[in-house]
């Protein structure tokens, strides 16, 4: 699926730190923890907790975040629908990675077991 340029530009330049609190609120509202959220995010990105916190503190954009990430080899196993769009059909690599992240957070909030979320 092709994403329009306006949306891509917005996502590319959006600071990851502006979305992280929304992810945290979403999972905590459903009884999950910040630690579980961080575990899922570090699994996807390959960052350590310290590196993740550094990106948050530096207000790294999604474009730079994913440029620096060492995406998990099993990330391509993340499939399904986010915001009405099939993740595996997204053509733009940064947008697809951002939607991978959204999908993992959704699964965490829905109570899915961490082992299944991490595709292990």
C-alpha atoms as a PDB file:
ATOM      1  CA  UNK A   1       0.000   0.000   0.000  1.00  0.00           C
ATOM      2  CA  UNK A   2       1.289   3.422  -0.927  1.00  0.00           C
ATOM      3  CA  UNK A   3       1.104   6.165   1.688  1.00  0.00           C
ATOM      4  CA  UNK A   4       0.640   9.779   0.565  1.00  0.00           C
ATOM      5  CA  UNK A   5       3.632  12.114   0.773  1.00  0.00           C
ATOM      6  CA  UNK A   6       2.039  14.454   3.340  1.00  0.00           C
ATOM      7  CA  UNK A   7       1.520  11.582   5.793  1.00  0.00           C
ATOM      8  CA  UNK A   8       5.008  10.212   5.188  1.00  0.00           C
ATOM      9  CA  UNK A   9       6.596  13.610   5.822  1.00  0.00           C
ATOM     10  CA  UNK A  10       4.607  14.001   9.051  1.00  0.00           C
ATOM     11  CA  UNK A  11       5.616  10.547  10.339  1.00  0.00           C
ATOM     12  CA  UNK A  12       9.256  10.898   9.266  1.00  0.00           C
ATOM     13  CA  UNK A  13       9.633  14.145  11.217  1.00  0.00           C
ATOM     14  CA  UNK A  14       7.511  13.241  14.237  1.00  0.00           C
ATOM     15  CA  UNK A  15       9.555  12.849  17.425  1.00  0.00           C
ATOM     16  CA  UNK A  16       9.344   9.342  18.859  1.00  0.00           C
ATOM     17  CA  UNK A  17       9.123  10.982  22.293  1.00  0.00           C
ATOM     18  CA  UNK A  18       5.758  12.523  21.353  1.00  0.00           C
ATOM     19  CA  UNK A  19       4.247   9.070  20.721  1.00  0.00           C
ATOM     20  CA  UNK A  20       5.902   7.094  23.516  1.00  0.00           C
ATOM     21  CA  UNK A  21       3.699   8.557  26.323  1.00  0.00           C
ATOM     22  CA  UNK A  22       0.621   7.590  24.295  1.00  0.00           C
ATOM     23  CA  UNK A  23       1.934   4.029  23.956  1.00  0.00           C
ATOM     24  CA  UNK A  24       2.644   3.949  27.690  1.00  0.00           C
ATOM     25  CA  UNK A  25      -0.805   5.248  28.616  1.00  0.00           C
ATOM     26  CA  UNK A  26      -2.449   2.742  26.281  1.00  0.00           C
ATOM     27  CA  UNK A  27      -0.711  -0.299  27.749  1.00  0.00           C
ATOM     28  CA  UNK A  28      -0.965   0.858  31.377  1.00  0.00           C
ATOM     29  CA  UNK A  29      -4.701   1.481  30.964  1.00  0.00           C
ATOM     30  CA  UNK A  30      -4.976  -2.201  30.038  1.00  0.00           C
ATOM     31  CA  UNK A  31      -2.928  -3.388  33.036  1.00  0.00           C
ATOM     32  CA  UNK A  32       0.450  -3.770  31.340  1.00  0.00           C
ATOM     33  CA  UNK A  33       3.655  -2.081  32.507  1.00  0.00           C
ATOM     34  CA  UNK A  34       6.184   0.404  31.144  1.00  0.00           C
ATOM     35  CA  UNK A  35       8.794  -2.344  31.507  1.00  0.00           C
ATOM     36  CA  UNK A  36       6.774  -4.624  29.216  1.00  0.00           C
ATOM     37  CA  UNK A  37       6.383  -1.790  26.713  1.00  0.00           C
ATOM     38  CA  UNK A  38      10.124  -1.136  26.766  1.00  0.00           C
ATOM     39  CA  UNK A  39      10.837  -4.847  26.336  1.00  0.00           C
ATOM     40  CA  UNK A  40       8.666  -4.957  23.216  1.00  0.00           C
ATOM     41  CA  UNK A  41      10.220  -1.776  21.804  1.00  0.00           C
ATOM     42  CA  UNK A  42      13.796  -2.887  22.492  1.00  0.00           C
ATOM     43  CA  UNK A  43      13.045  -6.263  20.875  1.00  0.00           C
ATOM     44  CA  UNK A  44      11.839  -4.537  17.709  1.00  0.00           C
ATOM     45  CA  UNK A  45      14.551  -1.874  17.470  1.00  0.00           C
ATOM     46  CA  UNK A  46      17.548  -3.727  18.872  1.00  0.00           C
ATOM     47  CA  UNK A  47      18.208  -0.857  21.288  1.00  0.00           C
ATOM     48  CA  UNK A  48      19.215  -1.332  24.896  1.00  0.00           C
ATOM     49  CA  UNK A  49      17.075   0.357  27.548  1.00  0.00           C
ATOM     50  CA  UNK A  50      19.701   3.106  27.777  1.00  0.00           C
ATOM     51  CA  UNK A  51      19.672   3.657  24.007  1.00  0.00           C
ATOM     52  CA  UNK A  52      15.873   3.773  23.983  1.00  0.00           C
ATOM     53  CA  UNK A  53      15.908   6.366  26.771  1.00  0.00           C
ATOM     54  CA  UNK A  54      18.549   8.374  24.910  1.00  0.00           C
ATOM     55  CA  UNK A  55      16.348   8.513  21.809  1.00  0.00           C
ATOM     56  CA  UNK A  56      13.444   9.658  23.972  1.00  0.00           C
ATOM     57  CA  UNK A  57      15.538  12.352  25.659  1.00  0.00           C
ATOM     58  CA  UNK A  58      16.957  13.573  22.341  1.00  0.00           C
ATOM     59  CA  UNK A  59      13.503  13.727  20.728  1.00  0.00           C
ATOM     60  CA  UNK A  60      14.708  11.560  17.864  1.00  0.00           C
ATOM     61  CA  UNK A  61      12.399  11.544  14.853  1.00  0.00           C
ATOM     62  CA  UNK A  62      10.923   8.278  13.602  1.00  0.00           C
ATOM     63  CA  UNK A  63      13.117   8.554  10.509  1.00  0.00           C
ATOM     64  CA  UNK A  64      16.300   8.810  12.587  1.00  0.00           C
ATOM     65  CA  UNK A  65      15.089   6.271  15.141  1.00  0.00           C
ATOM     66  CA  UNK A  66      14.621   3.582  12.504  1.00  0.00           C
ATOM     67  CA  UNK A  67      17.814   4.592  10.682  1.00  0.00           C
ATOM     68  CA  UNK A  68      19.684   3.869  13.919  1.00  0.00           C
ATOM     69  CA  UNK A  69      17.682   0.728  14.790  1.00  0.00           C
ATOM     70  CA  UNK A  70      18.879  -2.818  14.283  1.00  0.00           C
ATOM     71  CA  UNK A  71      15.460  -4.242  13.453  1.00  0.00           C
ATOM     72  CA  UNK A  72      14.827  -7.713  14.857  1.00  0.00           C
ATOM     73  CA  UNK A  73      15.195 -10.455  12.259  1.00  0.00           C
ATOM     74  CA  UNK A  74      11.670 -11.672  13.111  1.00  0.00           C
ATOM     75  CA  UNK A  75      10.058  -8.256  12.594  1.00  0.00           C
ATOM     76  CA  UNK A  76       8.809  -9.391   9.188  1.00  0.00           C
ATOM     77  CA  UNK A  77       6.601 -11.907  11.037  1.00  0.00           C
ATOM     78  CA  UNK A  78       4.530  -8.988  12.354  1.00  0.00           C
ATOM     79  CA  UNK A  79       1.344  -9.025  10.315  1.00  0.00           C
ATOM     80  CA  UNK A  80      -2.173  -7.772  10.668  1.00  0.00           C
ATOM     81  CA  UNK A  81      -4.149  -4.577  10.455  1.00  0.00           C
ATOM     82  CA  UNK A  82      -3.320  -1.226  12.076  1.00  0.00           C
ATOM     83  CA  UNK A  83      -5.572   1.752  11.372  1.00  0.00           C
ATOM     84  CA  UNK A  84      -7.328  -0.221   8.662  1.00  0.00           C
ATOM     85  CA  UNK A  85      -4.115  -1.002   6.777  1.00  0.00           C
ATOM     86  CA  UNK A  86      -2.359  -4.366   6.520  1.00  0.00           C
ATOM     87  CA  UNK A  87       1.133  -3.885   7.957  1.00  0.00           C
ATOM     88  CA  UNK A  88       2.737  -6.298   5.507  1.00  0.00           C
ATOM     89  CA  UNK A  89       1.394  -4.315   2.521  1.00  0.00           C
ATOM     90  CA  UNK A  90       2.936  -0.962   3.498  1.00  0.00           C
ATOM     91  CA  UNK A  91       5.553  -0.039   0.891  1.00  0.00           C
ATOM     92  CA  UNK A  92       7.463   2.730   2.660  1.00  0.00           C
ATOM     93  CA  UNK A  93      10.075   1.179   4.983  1.00  0.00           C
ATOM     94  CA  UNK A  94       9.877   3.805   7.752  1.00  0.00           C
ATOM     95  CA  UNK A  95       6.085   3.746   7.751  1.00  0.00           C
ATOM     96  CA  UNK A  96       6.097  -0.068   7.839  1.00  0.00           C
ATOM     97  CA  UNK A  97       8.472  -0.056  10.832  1.00  0.00           C
ATOM     98  CA  UNK A  98       6.331   2.538  12.617  1.00  0.00           C
ATOM     99  CA  UNK A  99       3.276   0.349  12.024  1.00  0.00           C
ATOM    100  CA  UNK A 100       5.205  -2.693  13.278  1.00  0.00           C
ATOM    101  CA  UNK A 101       5.695  -0.720  16.477  1.00  0.00           C
ATOM    102  CA  UNK A 102       2.008   0.234  16.608  1.00  0.00           C
ATOM    103  CA  UNK A 103       1.002  -3.399  16.084  1.00  0.00           C
ATOM    104  CA  UNK A 104       3.246  -4.638  18.905  1.00  0.00           C
ATOM    105  CA  UNK A 105       1.848  -2.012  21.270  1.00  0.00           C
ATOM    106  CA  UNK A 106      -1.703  -2.999  20.273  1.00  0.00           C
ATOM    107  CA  UNK A 107      -0.942  -6.660  20.968  1.00  0.00           C
ATOM    108  CA  UNK A 108       0.551  -5.779  24.356  1.00  0.00           C
ATOM    109  CA  UNK A 109      -2.489  -3.683  25.268  1.00  0.00           C
ATOM    110  CA  UNK A 110      -4.813  -6.500  24.221  1.00  0.00           C
ATOM    111  CA  UNK A 111      -3.178  -8.838  26.723  1.00  0.00           C
ATOM    112  CA  UNK A 112      -1.250 -11.046  24.335  1.00  0.00           C
ATOM    113  CA  UNK A 113       1.598 -13.003  25.958  1.00  0.00           C
ATOM    114  CA  UNK A 114       5.020 -11.375  25.635  1.00  0.00           C
ATOM    115  CA  UNK A 115       6.490 -14.546  24.088  1.00  0.00           C
ATOM    116  CA  UNK A 116       3.903 -14.400  21.292  1.00  0.00           C
ATOM    117  CA  UNK A 117       4.370 -10.645  20.774  1.00  0.00           C
ATOM    118  CA  UNK A 118       8.126 -11.192  20.424  1.00  0.00           C
ATOM    119  CA  UNK A 119       7.487 -13.898  17.837  1.00  0.00           C
ATOM    120  CA  UNK A 120       9.497 -16.448  19.844  1.00  0.00           C
END
